[in-house]
Amino acid sequence: RVLLTRDRPLLAACERRGIAAFEPPGDEPAAQFAAVLKRFGLSAEGARPRCLRCNAPVFEVRREEALGKVPPYTYLTHRRFSACSCCGRITWEGSHLERFERVVRKLGSEDVRTWRGHG
């Protein structure tokens, strides 16, 4: 395991204690993502998405299961939803993810779509 952080005091503490840590460069999340893939020789292919709230695995759910748990407009305009296996949070693929994918593709990680859990 490697701790990913931009917190300089935390990085220094890790170094003193012999804990593996990496500081992704820059302020752009897509560039940081690409840097992590490159630094550790990783591929997004085969990775499974995790809950942003609790980090547990998420899984695709039937659309009907999202009814009443997501904003009405979101339910009307989206067909695919996922749920966290731990906290139950319902998520969907929004325009932010599409923008992120475009940026990451420009950075050279063509396999980014596979980590969304539907690849």
C-alpha atoms as a PDB file:
ATOM      1  CA  ARG A   1       0.000   0.000   0.000  1.00  0.00           C
ATOM      2  CA  VAL A   2       1.045   3.549  -0.735  1.00  0.00           C
ATOM      3  CA  LEU A   3      -0.385   6.700   0.792  1.00  0.00           C
ATOM      4  CA  LEU A   4      -1.314   9.307  -1.835  1.00  0.00           C
ATOM      5  CA  THR A   5      -1.319  12.825  -0.422  1.00  0.00           C
ATOM      6  CA  ARG A   6      -0.440  16.436  -1.177  1.00  0.00           C
ATOM      7  CA  ASP A   7      -0.036  17.162   2.545  1.00  0.00           C
ATOM      8  CA  ARG A   8       3.672  17.966   2.947  1.00  0.00           C
ATOM      9  CA  PRO A   9       3.851  17.441   6.748  1.00  0.00           C
ATOM     10  CA  LEU A  10       2.149  14.065   6.303  1.00  0.00           C
ATOM     11  CA  LEU A  11       4.631  13.137   3.561  1.00  0.00           C
ATOM     12  CA  ALA A  12       7.520  14.070   5.863  1.00  0.00           C
ATOM     13  CA  ALA A  13       6.030  11.986   8.686  1.00  0.00           C
ATOM     14  CA  CYS A  14       5.686   9.017   6.335  1.00  0.00           C
ATOM     15  CA  GLU A  15       9.297   9.370   5.251  1.00  0.00           C
ATOM     16  CA  ARG A  16      10.495   9.449   8.886  1.00  0.00           C
ATOM     17  CA  ARG A  17       8.507   6.311   9.682  1.00  0.00           C
ATOM     18  CA  GLY A  18       9.367   4.400   6.505  1.00  0.00           C
ATOM     19  CA  ILE A  19       5.797   4.493   5.189  1.00  0.00           C
ATOM     20  CA  ALA A  20       5.443   4.458   1.415  1.00  0.00           C
ATOM     21  CA  ALA A  21       3.890   7.708   0.207  1.00  0.00           C
ATOM     22  CA  PHE A  22       3.559   9.574  -3.077  1.00  0.00           C
ATOM     23  CA  GLU A  23       2.684  13.191  -3.803  1.00  0.00           C
ATOM     24  CA  PRO A  24       0.804  13.473  -7.094  1.00  0.00           C
ATOM     25  CA  PRO A  25       2.111  16.575  -8.892  1.00  0.00           C
ATOM     26  CA  GLY A  26       0.042  19.586  -9.862  1.00  0.00           C
ATOM     27  CA  ASP A  27      -3.432  20.729  -8.956  1.00  0.00           C
ATOM     28  CA  GLU A  28      -5.465  19.083 -11.716  1.00  0.00           C
ATOM     29  CA  PRO A  29      -7.137  15.801 -10.639  1.00  0.00           C
ATOM     30  CA  ALA A  30      -6.882  14.253 -14.106  1.00  0.00           C
ATOM     31  CA  ALA A  31      -3.158  14.975 -14.309  1.00  0.00           C
ATOM     32  CA  GLN A  32      -2.700  13.585 -10.801  1.00  0.00           C
ATOM     33  CA  PHE A  33      -4.584  10.443 -11.804  1.00  0.00           C
ATOM     34  CA  ALA A  34      -2.380   9.998 -14.860  1.00  0.00           C
ATOM     35  CA  ALA A  35       0.745  10.569 -12.733  1.00  0.00           C
ATOM     36  CA  VAL A  36      -0.311   7.857 -10.282  1.00  0.00           C
ATOM     37  CA  LEU A  37      -0.941   5.396 -13.133  1.00  0.00           C
ATOM     38  CA  LYS A  38       2.453   6.180 -14.644  1.00  0.00           C
ATOM     39  CA  ARG A  39       4.424   6.229 -11.361  1.00  0.00           C
ATOM     40  CA  PHE A  40       3.192   2.813 -10.275  1.00  0.00           C
ATOM     41  CA  GLY A  41       2.896   1.204 -13.709  1.00  0.00           C
ATOM     42  CA  LEU A  42      -0.850   0.798 -13.311  1.00  0.00           C
ATOM     43  CA  SER A  43      -3.661   0.471 -15.778  1.00  0.00           C
ATOM     44  CA  ALA A  44      -7.216   1.560 -15.101  1.00  0.00           C
ATOM     45  CA  GLU A  45      -8.380  -1.612 -16.832  1.00  0.00           C
ATOM     46  CA  GLY A  46      -9.915  -4.113 -14.468  1.00  0.00           C
ATOM     47  CA  ALA A  47     -10.136  -1.676 -11.574  1.00  0.00           C
ATOM     48  CA  ARG A  48     -13.455  -1.448  -9.816  1.00  0.00           C
ATOM     49  CA  PRO A  49     -14.968   1.813  -8.609  1.00  0.00           C
ATOM     50  CA  ARG A  50     -15.117   2.659  -4.928  1.00  0.00           C
ATOM     51  CA  CYS A  51     -17.482   4.816  -2.920  1.00  0.00           C
ATOM     52  CA  LEU A  52     -16.232   8.372  -2.522  1.00  0.00           C
ATOM     53  CA  ARG A  53     -17.776   8.512   0.952  1.00  0.00           C
ATOM     54  CA  CYS A  54     -16.525   5.285   2.564  1.00  0.00           C
ATOM     55  CA  ASN A  55     -14.221   3.645  -0.042  1.00  0.00           C
ATOM     56  CA  ALA A  56     -16.218   0.397  -0.190  1.00  0.00           C
ATOM     57  CA  PRO A  57     -16.833  -1.273  -3.572  1.00  0.00           C
ATOM     58  CA  VAL A  58     -19.846  -0.102  -5.566  1.00  0.00           C
ATOM     59  CA  PHE A  59     -22.029  -2.214  -7.822  1.00  0.00           C
ATOM     60  CA  GLU A  60     -24.574  -1.490 -10.528  1.00  0.00           C
ATOM     61  CA  VAL A  61     -28.222  -1.530  -9.396  1.00  0.00           C
ATOM     62  CA  ARG A  62     -31.507  -1.667 -11.272  1.00  0.00           C
ATOM     63  CA  ARG A  63     -32.736   1.789 -12.209  1.00  0.00           C
ATOM     64  CA  GLU A  64     -35.895   1.296 -10.130  1.00  0.00           C
ATOM     65  CA  GLU A  65     -33.773   0.975  -6.990  1.00  0.00           C
ATOM     66  CA  ALA A  66     -32.611   4.578  -7.457  1.00  0.00           C
ATOM     67  CA  LEU A  67     -36.160   5.971  -7.596  1.00  0.00           C
ATOM     68  CA  GLY A  68     -36.712   8.312  -4.659  1.00  0.00           C
ATOM     69  CA  LYS A  69     -33.032   8.135  -3.702  1.00  0.00           C
ATOM     70  CA  VAL A  70     -31.712  10.511  -6.369  1.00  0.00           C
ATOM     71  CA  PRO A  71     -33.018  13.897  -7.540  1.00  0.00           C
ATOM     72  CA  PRO A  72     -36.053  13.534  -9.852  1.00  0.00           C
ATOM     73  CA  TYR A  73     -34.287  15.144 -12.824  1.00  0.00           C
ATOM     74  CA  THR A  74     -31.340  12.798 -12.377  1.00  0.00           C
ATOM     75  CA  TYR A  75     -33.662   9.798 -12.365  1.00  0.00           C
ATOM     76  CA  LEU A  76     -35.354  11.001 -15.552  1.00  0.00           C
ATOM     77  CA  THR A  77     -32.120  11.717 -17.419  1.00  0.00           C
ATOM     78  CA  HIS A  78     -29.961   8.749 -16.388  1.00  0.00           C
ATOM     79  CA  ARG A  79     -30.365   5.036 -17.000  1.00  0.00           C
ATOM     80  CA  ARG A  80     -27.493   3.540 -14.995  1.00  0.00           C
ATOM     81  CA  PHE A  81     -26.973   3.814 -11.267  1.00  0.00           C
ATOM     82  CA  SER A  82     -24.583   2.253  -8.786  1.00  0.00           C
ATOM     83  CA  ALA A  83     -24.832   1.692  -5.047  1.00  0.00           C
ATOM     84  CA  CYS A  84     -22.198   1.399  -2.348  1.00  0.00           C
ATOM     85  CA  SER A  85     -21.973  -2.057  -0.806  1.00  0.00           C
ATOM     86  CA  CYS A  86     -21.414  -0.515   2.633  1.00  0.00           C
ATOM     87  CA  CYS A  87     -23.191   2.830   3.075  1.00  0.00           C
ATOM     88  CA  GLY A  88     -25.772   2.352   0.296  1.00  0.00           C
ATOM     89  CA  ARG A  89     -25.050   5.694  -1.359  1.00  0.00           C
ATOM     90  CA  ILE A  90     -26.488   5.831  -4.896  1.00  0.00           C
ATOM     91  CA  THR A  91     -24.285   7.329  -7.607  1.00  0.00           C
ATOM     92  CA  TRP A  92     -24.548   7.930 -11.338  1.00  0.00           C
ATOM     93  CA  GLU A  93     -22.289   8.974 -14.155  1.00  0.00           C
ATOM     94  CA  GLY A  94     -22.549  12.711 -14.641  1.00  0.00           C
ATOM     95  CA  SER A  95     -21.021  15.234 -16.999  1.00  0.00           C
ATOM     96  CA  HIS A  96     -18.110  15.739 -14.578  1.00  0.00           C
ATOM     97  CA  LEU A  97     -16.966  12.187 -15.315  1.00  0.00           C
ATOM     98  CA  GLU A  98     -17.149  12.739 -19.065  1.00  0.00           C
ATOM     99  CA  ARG A  99     -15.021  15.894 -18.735  1.00  0.00           C
ATOM    100  CA  PHE A 100     -12.534  14.034 -16.522  1.00  0.00           C
ATOM    101  CA  GLU A 101     -12.287  11.214 -19.083  1.00  0.00           C
ATOM    102  CA  ARG A 102     -11.546  13.658 -21.903  1.00  0.00           C
ATOM    103  CA  VAL A 103      -8.732  15.238 -19.921  1.00  0.00           C
ATOM    104  CA  VAL A 104      -7.237  11.888 -18.910  1.00  0.00           C
ATOM    105  CA  ARG A 105      -7.371  10.666 -22.521  1.00  0.00           C
ATOM    106  CA  LYS A 106      -5.395  13.727 -23.559  1.00  0.00           C
ATOM    107  CA  LEU A 107      -2.828  12.740 -20.947  1.00  0.00           C
ATOM    108  CA  GLY A 108      -2.454   9.314 -22.536  1.00  0.00           C
ATOM    109  CA  SER A 109      -4.608   6.961 -20.472  1.00  0.00           C
ATOM    110  CA  GLU A 110      -7.001   5.562 -23.076  1.00  0.00           C
ATOM    111  CA  ASP A 111      -8.371   2.860 -20.776  1.00  0.00           C
ATOM    112  CA  VAL A 112      -9.947   5.264 -18.270  1.00  0.00           C
ATOM    113  CA  ARG A 113     -13.559   4.218 -19.043  1.00  0.00           C
ATOM    114  CA  THR A 114     -12.993   0.726 -17.649  1.00  0.00           C
ATOM    115  CA  TRP A 115     -12.646   1.884 -14.049  1.00  0.00           C
ATOM    116  CA  ARG A 116     -16.195   3.230 -14.035  1.00  0.00           C
ATOM    117  CA  GLY A 117     -17.528  -0.205 -13.156  1.00  0.00           C
ATOM    118  CA  HIS A 118     -19.324  -0.808 -16.433  1.00  0.00           C
ATOM    119  CA  GLY A 119     -16.309  -1.831 -18.510  1.00  0.00           C
END
